[in-house]
PDB file of N, CA and C in Angstrom:
ATOM      1  N   MET A   1      -0.829 -20.655 -11.265  1.00  0.00           N
ATOM      2  CA  MET A   1      -1.458 -21.589 -10.336  1.00  0.00           C
ATOM      3  C   MET A   1      -2.240 -20.788  -9.293  1.00  0.00           C
ATOM      4  N   PRO A   2      -3.521 -21.051  -9.159  1.00  0.00           N
ATOM      5  CA  PRO A   2      -4.319 -20.286  -8.203  1.00  0.00           C
ATOM      6  C   PRO A   2      -3.954 -20.620  -6.759  1.00  0.00           C
ATOM      7  N   LEU A   3      -4.198 -19.636  -5.902  1.00  0.00           N
ATOM      8  CA  LEU A   3      -3.910 -19.825  -4.487  1.00  0.00           C
ATOM      9  C   LEU A   3      -4.810 -20.902  -3.887  1.00  0.00           C
ATOM     10  N   LEU A   4      -6.068 -20.876  -4.264  1.00  0.00           N
ATOM     11  CA  LEU A   4      -7.026 -21.889  -3.823  1.00  0.00           C
ATOM     12  C   LEU A   4      -7.533 -22.634  -5.058  1.00  0.00           C
ATOM     13  N   PRO A   5      -6.942 -23.766  -5.405  1.00  0.00           N
ATOM     14  CA  PRO A   5      -7.288 -24.438  -6.654  1.00  0.00           C
ATOM     15  C   PRO A   5      -8.733 -24.930  -6.708  1.00  0.00           C
ATOM     16  N   ARG A   6      -9.370 -25.104  -5.589  1.00  0.00           N
ATOM     17  CA  ARG A   6     -10.743 -25.623  -5.575  1.00  0.00           C
ATOM     18  C   ARG A   6     -11.773 -24.516  -5.369  1.00  0.00           C
ATOM     19  N   TRP A   7     -11.403 -23.269  -5.604  1.00  0.00           N
ATOM     20  CA  TRP A   7     -12.295 -22.135  -5.344  1.00  0.00           C
ATOM     21  C   TRP A   7     -13.638 -22.283  -6.067  1.00  0.00           C
ATOM     22  N   ARG A   8     -13.605 -22.719  -7.310  1.00  0.00           N
ATOM     23  CA  ARG A   8     -14.867 -22.787  -8.068  1.00  0.00           C
ATOM     24  C   ARG A   8     -15.768 -23.913  -7.587  1.00  0.00           C
ATOM     25  N   TYR A   9     -15.229 -24.860  -6.838  1.00  0.00           N
ATOM     26  CA  TYR A   9     -16.036 -25.967  -6.336  1.00  0.00           C
ATOM     27  C   TYR A   9     -16.521 -25.730  -4.908  1.00  0.00           C
ATOM     28  N   MET A  10     -16.053 -24.646  -4.297  1.00  0.00           N
ATOM     29  CA  MET A  10     -16.428 -24.370  -2.910  1.00  0.00           C
ATOM     30  C   MET A  10     -17.860 -23.842  -2.844  1.00  0.00           C
ATOM     31  N   THR A  11     -18.508 -24.115  -1.723  1.00  0.00           N
ATOM     32  CA  THR A  11     -19.857 -23.582  -1.517  1.00  0.00           C
ATOM     33  C   THR A  11     -19.765 -22.083  -1.232  1.00  0.00           C
ATOM     34  N   PRO A  12     -20.842 -21.359  -1.427  1.00  0.00           N
ATOM     35  CA  PRO A  12     -20.817 -19.922  -1.123  1.00  0.00           C
ATOM     36  C   PRO A  12     -20.465 -19.629   0.342  1.00  0.00           C
ATOM     37  N   GLU A  13     -20.910 -20.497   1.251  1.00  0.00           N
ATOM     38  CA  GLU A  13     -20.585 -20.298   2.665  1.00  0.00           C
ATOM     39  C   GLU A  13     -19.084 -20.457   2.900  1.00  0.00           C
ATOM     40  N   ALA A  14     -18.488 -21.457   2.268  1.00  0.00           N
ATOM     41  CA  ALA A  14     -17.049 -21.671   2.417  1.00  0.00           C
ATOM     42  C   ALA A  14     -16.258 -20.521   1.803  1.00  0.00           C
ATOM     43  N   LYS A  15     -16.735 -19.993   0.678  1.00  0.00           N
ATOM     44  CA  LYS A  15     -16.066 -18.842   0.063  1.00  0.00           C
ATOM     45  C   LYS A  15     -16.149 -17.619   0.970  1.00  0.00           C
ATOM     46  N   ALA A  16     -17.317 -17.396   1.574  1.00  0.00           N
ATOM     47  CA  ALA A  16     -17.486 -16.254   2.472  1.00  0.00           C
ATOM     48  C   ALA A  16     -16.579 -16.391   3.689  1.00  0.00           C
ATOM     49  N   LEU A  17     -16.501 -17.600   4.232  1.00  0.00           N
ATOM     50  CA  LEU A  17     -15.637 -17.838   5.384  1.00  0.00           C
ATOM     51  C   LEU A  17     -14.173 -17.609   5.025  1.00  0.00           C
ATOM     52  N   THR A  18     -13.768 -18.063   3.868  1.00  0.00           N
ATOM     53  CA  THR A  18     -12.392 -17.872   3.415  1.00  0.00           C
ATOM     54  C   THR A  18     -12.084 -16.395   3.222  1.00  0.00           C
ATOM     55  N   ARG A  19     -13.016 -15.661   2.635  1.00  0.00           N
ATOM     56  CA  ARG A  19     -12.816 -14.218   2.445  1.00  0.00           C
ATOM     57  C   ARG A  19     -12.713 -13.502   3.780  1.00  0.00           C
ATOM     58  N   ARG A  20     -13.612 -13.835   4.715  1.00  0.00           N
ATOM     59  CA  ARG A  20     -13.577 -13.189   6.034  1.00  0.00           C
ATOM     60  C   ARG A  20     -12.267 -13.481   6.745  1.00  0.00           C
ATOM     61  N   PHE A  21     -11.795 -14.721   6.660  1.00  0.00           N
ATOM     62  CA  PHE A  21     -10.535 -15.086   7.293  1.00  0.00           C
ATOM     63  C   PHE A  21      -9.376 -14.312   6.674  1.00  0.00           C
ATOM     64  N   GLY A  22      -9.364 -14.190   5.365  1.00  0.00           N
ATOM     65  CA  GLY A  22      -8.297 -13.446   4.687  1.00  0.00           C
ATOM     66  C   GLY A  22      -8.297 -11.980   5.063  1.00  0.00           C
ATOM     67  N   ILE A  23      -9.481 -11.384   5.117  1.00  0.00           N
ATOM     68  CA  ILE A  23      -9.571  -9.972   5.500  1.00  0.00           C
ATOM     69  C   ILE A  23      -9.142  -9.789   6.947  1.00  0.00           C
ATOM     70  N   SER A  24      -9.571 -10.680   7.828  1.00  0.00           N
ATOM     71  CA  SER A  24      -9.182 -10.592   9.237  1.00  0.00           C
ATOM     72  C   SER A  24      -7.672 -10.730   9.400  1.00  0.00           C
ATOM     73  N   ALA A  25      -7.076 -11.655   8.681  1.00  0.00           N
ATOM     74  CA  ALA A  25      -5.626 -11.835   8.761  1.00  0.00           C
ATOM     75  C   ALA A  25      -4.896 -10.593   8.267  1.00  0.00           C
ATOM     76  N   ALA A  26      -5.386  -9.980   7.198  1.00  0.00           N
ATOM     77  CA  ALA A  26      -4.758  -8.761   6.679  1.00  0.00           C
ATOM     78  C   ALA A  26      -4.880  -7.615   7.675  1.00  0.00           C
ATOM     79  N   VAL A  27      -6.036  -7.489   8.328  1.00  0.00           N
ATOM     80  CA  VAL A  27      -6.229  -6.422   9.321  1.00  0.00           C
ATOM     81  C   VAL A  27      -5.312  -6.633  10.518  1.00  0.00           C
ATOM     82  N   VAL A  28      -5.185  -7.872  10.969  1.00  0.00           N
ATOM     83  CA  VAL A  28      -4.296  -8.161  12.101  1.00  0.00           C
ATOM     84  C   VAL A  28      -2.848  -7.855  11.734  1.00  0.00           C
ATOM     85  N   LEU A  29      -2.410  -8.261  10.563  1.00  0.00           N
ATOM     86  CA  LEU A  29      -1.040  -7.970  10.140  1.00  0.00           C
ATOM     87  C   LEU A  29      -0.801  -6.470  10.027  1.00  0.00           C
ATOM     88  N   PHE A  30      -1.766  -5.738   9.467  1.00  0.00           N
ATOM     89  CA  PHE A  30      -1.645  -4.284   9.363  1.00  0.00           C
ATOM     90  C   PHE A  30      -1.567  -3.654  10.753  1.00  0.00           C
ATOM     91  N   GLY A  31      -2.383  -4.133  11.677  1.00  0.00           N
ATOM     92  CA  GLY A  31      -2.354  -3.622  13.046  1.00  0.00           C
ATOM     93  C   GLY A  31      -1.025  -3.891  13.729  1.00  0.00           C
ATOM     94  N   LEU A  32      -0.471  -5.069  13.520  1.00  0.00           N
ATOM     95  CA  LEU A  32       0.826  -5.384  14.122  1.00  0.00           C
ATOM     96  C   LEU A  32       1.933  -4.510  13.559  1.00  0.00           C
ATOM     97  N   VAL A  33       1.915  -4.276  12.261  1.00  0.00           N
ATOM     98  CA  VAL A  33       2.923  -3.403  11.646  1.00  0.00           C
ATOM     99  C   VAL A  33       2.774  -1.982  12.170  1.00  0.00           C
ATOM    100  N   LEU A  34       1.541  -1.509  12.272  1.00  0.00           N
ATOM    101  CA  LEU A  34       1.293  -0.164  12.776  1.00  0.00           C
ATOM    102  C   LEU A  34       1.714  -0.046  14.232  1.00  0.00           C
ATOM    103  N   LEU A  35       1.392  -1.052  15.042  1.00  0.00           N
ATOM    104  CA  LEU A  35       1.770  -1.035  16.452  1.00  0.00           C
ATOM    105  C   LEU A  35       3.280  -1.058  16.604  1.00  0.00           C
ATOM    106  N   ARG A  36       3.941  -1.854  15.801  1.00  0.00           N
ATOM    107  CA  ARG A  36       5.400  -1.937  15.874  1.00  0.00           C
ATOM    108  C   ARG A  36       6.035  -0.600  15.513  1.00  0.00           C
ATOM    109  N   THR A  37       5.422   0.130  14.588  1.00  0.00           N
ATOM    110  CA  THR A  37       5.944   1.424  14.178  1.00  0.00           C
ATOM    111  C   THR A  37       5.680   2.487  15.239  1.00  0.00           C
ATOM    112  N   LEU A  38       4.496   2.469  15.823  1.00  0.00           N
ATOM    113  CA  LEU A  38       4.100   3.538  16.738  1.00  0.00           C
ATOM    114  C   LEU A  38       4.447   3.282  18.197  1.00  0.00           C
ATOM    115  N   LEU A  39       4.781   2.064  18.565  1.00  0.00           N
ATOM    116  CA  LEU A  39       5.031   1.743  19.967  1.00  0.00           C
ATOM    117  C   LEU A  39       6.143   2.581  20.586  1.00  0.00           C
ATOM    118  N   PRO A  40       7.296   2.762  19.953  1.00  0.00           N
ATOM    119  CA  PRO A  40       8.328   3.607  20.579  1.00  0.00           C
ATOM    120  C   PRO A  40       7.856   5.042  20.803  1.00  0.00           C
ATOM    121  N   TRP A  41       7.084   5.585  19.870  1.00  0.00           N
ATOM    122  CA  TRP A  41       6.573   6.953  20.029  1.00  0.00           C
ATOM    123  C   TRP A  41       5.557   7.028  21.163  1.00  0.00           C
ATOM    124  N   MET A  42       4.736   6.004  21.322  1.00  0.00           N
ATOM    125  CA  MET A  42       3.763   5.997  22.413  1.00  0.00           C
ATOM    126  C   MET A  42       4.469   5.903  23.761  1.00  0.00           C
ATOM    127  N   ILE A  43       5.526   5.093  23.841  1.00  0.00           N
ATOM    128  CA  ILE A  43       6.289   4.982  25.085  1.00  0.00           C
ATOM    129  C   ILE A  43       6.967   6.304  25.406  1.00  0.00           C
ATOM    130  N   LEU A  44       7.554   6.953  24.402  1.00  0.00           N
ATOM    131  CA  LEU A  44       8.190   8.252  24.605  1.00  0.00           C
ATOM    132  C   LEU A  44       7.175   9.292  25.074  1.00  0.00           C
ATOM    133  N   ALA A  45       6.007   9.319  24.473  1.00  0.00           N
ATOM    134  CA  ALA A  45       4.964  10.263  24.882  1.00  0.00           C
ATOM    135  C   ALA A  45       4.515   9.993  26.314  1.00  0.00           C
ATOM    136  N   LEU A  46       4.415   8.737  26.695  1.00  0.00           N
ATOM    137  CA  LEU A  46       4.036   8.386  28.059  1.00  0.00           C
ATOM    138  C   LEU A  46       5.093   8.843  29.056  1.00  0.00           C
ATOM    139  N   ILE A  47       6.357   8.665  28.731  1.00  0.00           N
ATOM    140  CA  ILE A  47       7.441   9.109  29.617  1.00  0.00           C
ATOM    141  C   ILE A  47       7.431  10.624  29.751  1.00  0.00           C
ATOM    142  N   ILE A  48       7.267  11.329  28.639  1.00  0.00           N
ATOM    143  CA  ILE A  48       7.225  12.798  28.686  1.00  0.00           C
ATOM    144  C   ILE A  48       6.035  13.262  29.516  1.00  0.00           C
ATOM    145  N   TRP A  49       4.877  12.650  29.334  1.00  0.00           N
ATOM    146  CA  TRP A  49       3.700  13.018  30.119  1.00  0.00           C
ATOM    147  C   TRP A  49       3.937  12.764  31.601  1.00  0.00           C
ATOM    148  N   TRP A  50       4.569  11.640  31.939  1.00  0.00           N
ATOM    149  CA  TRP A  50       4.842  11.303  33.331  1.00  0.00           C
ATOM    150  C   TRP A  50       5.790  12.321  33.946  1.00  0.00           C
ATOM    151  N   VAL A  51       6.840  12.699  33.213  1.00  0.00           N
ATOM    152  CA  VAL A  51       7.804  13.684  33.718  1.00  0.00           C
ATOM    153  C   VAL A  51       7.127  15.037  33.905  1.00  0.00           C
ATOM    154  N   LEU A  52       6.349  15.477  32.941  1.00  0.00           N
ATOM    155  CA  LEU A  52       5.673  16.772  33.056  1.00  0.00           C
ATOM    156  C   LEU A  52       4.661  16.784  34.194  1.00  0.00           C
ATOM    157  N   SER A  53       3.932  15.710  34.370  1.00  0.00           N
ATOM    158  CA  SER A  53       2.965  15.667  35.471  1.00  0.00           C
ATOM    159  C   SER A  53       3.684  15.624  36.816  1.00  0.00           C
ATOM    160  N   ALA A  54       4.841  14.971  36.888  1.00  0.00           N
ATOM    161  CA  ALA A  54       5.614  14.954  38.132  1.00  0.00           C
ATOM    162  C   ALA A  54       6.177  16.345  38.426  1.00  0.00           C
ATOM    163  N   MET A  55       6.588  17.066  37.398  1.00  0.00           N
ATOM    164  CA  MET A  55       7.119  18.419  37.598  1.00  0.00           C
ATOM    165  C   MET A  55       6.006  19.389  38.007  1.00  0.00           C
ATOM    166  N   ASN A  56       4.809  19.216  37.515  1.00  0.00           N
ATOM    167  CA  ASN A  56       3.699  20.110  37.853  1.00  0.00           C
ATOM    168  C   ASN A  56       3.195  19.893  39.272  1.00  0.00           C
ATOM    169  N   ARG A  57       3.417  18.740  39.838  1.00  0.00           N
ATOM    170  CA  ARG A  57       2.975  18.460  41.209  1.00  0.00           C
ATOM    171  C   ARG A  57       3.815  19.211  42.228  1.00  0.00           C
ATOM    172  N   GLN A  58       5.052  19.471  41.895  1.00  0.00           N
ATOM    173  CA  GLN A  58       5.953  20.106  42.864  1.00  0.00           C
ATOM    174  C   GLN A  58       5.781  21.578  42.953  1.00  0.00           C
TER     175      GLN A  58
END
């Protein structure tokens, strides 16, 4: 069973819009997964940078 059963009856503009929406949704999901993976490391790097910059001021 196709995901979009009326795909062959859709206009080219509707097909293009559907493709763009699908690609955008995939990019957003990939970005969220990547952000979820890297966020703890970014926070740790920020804390280390803050501590090192505070130590260098003294």
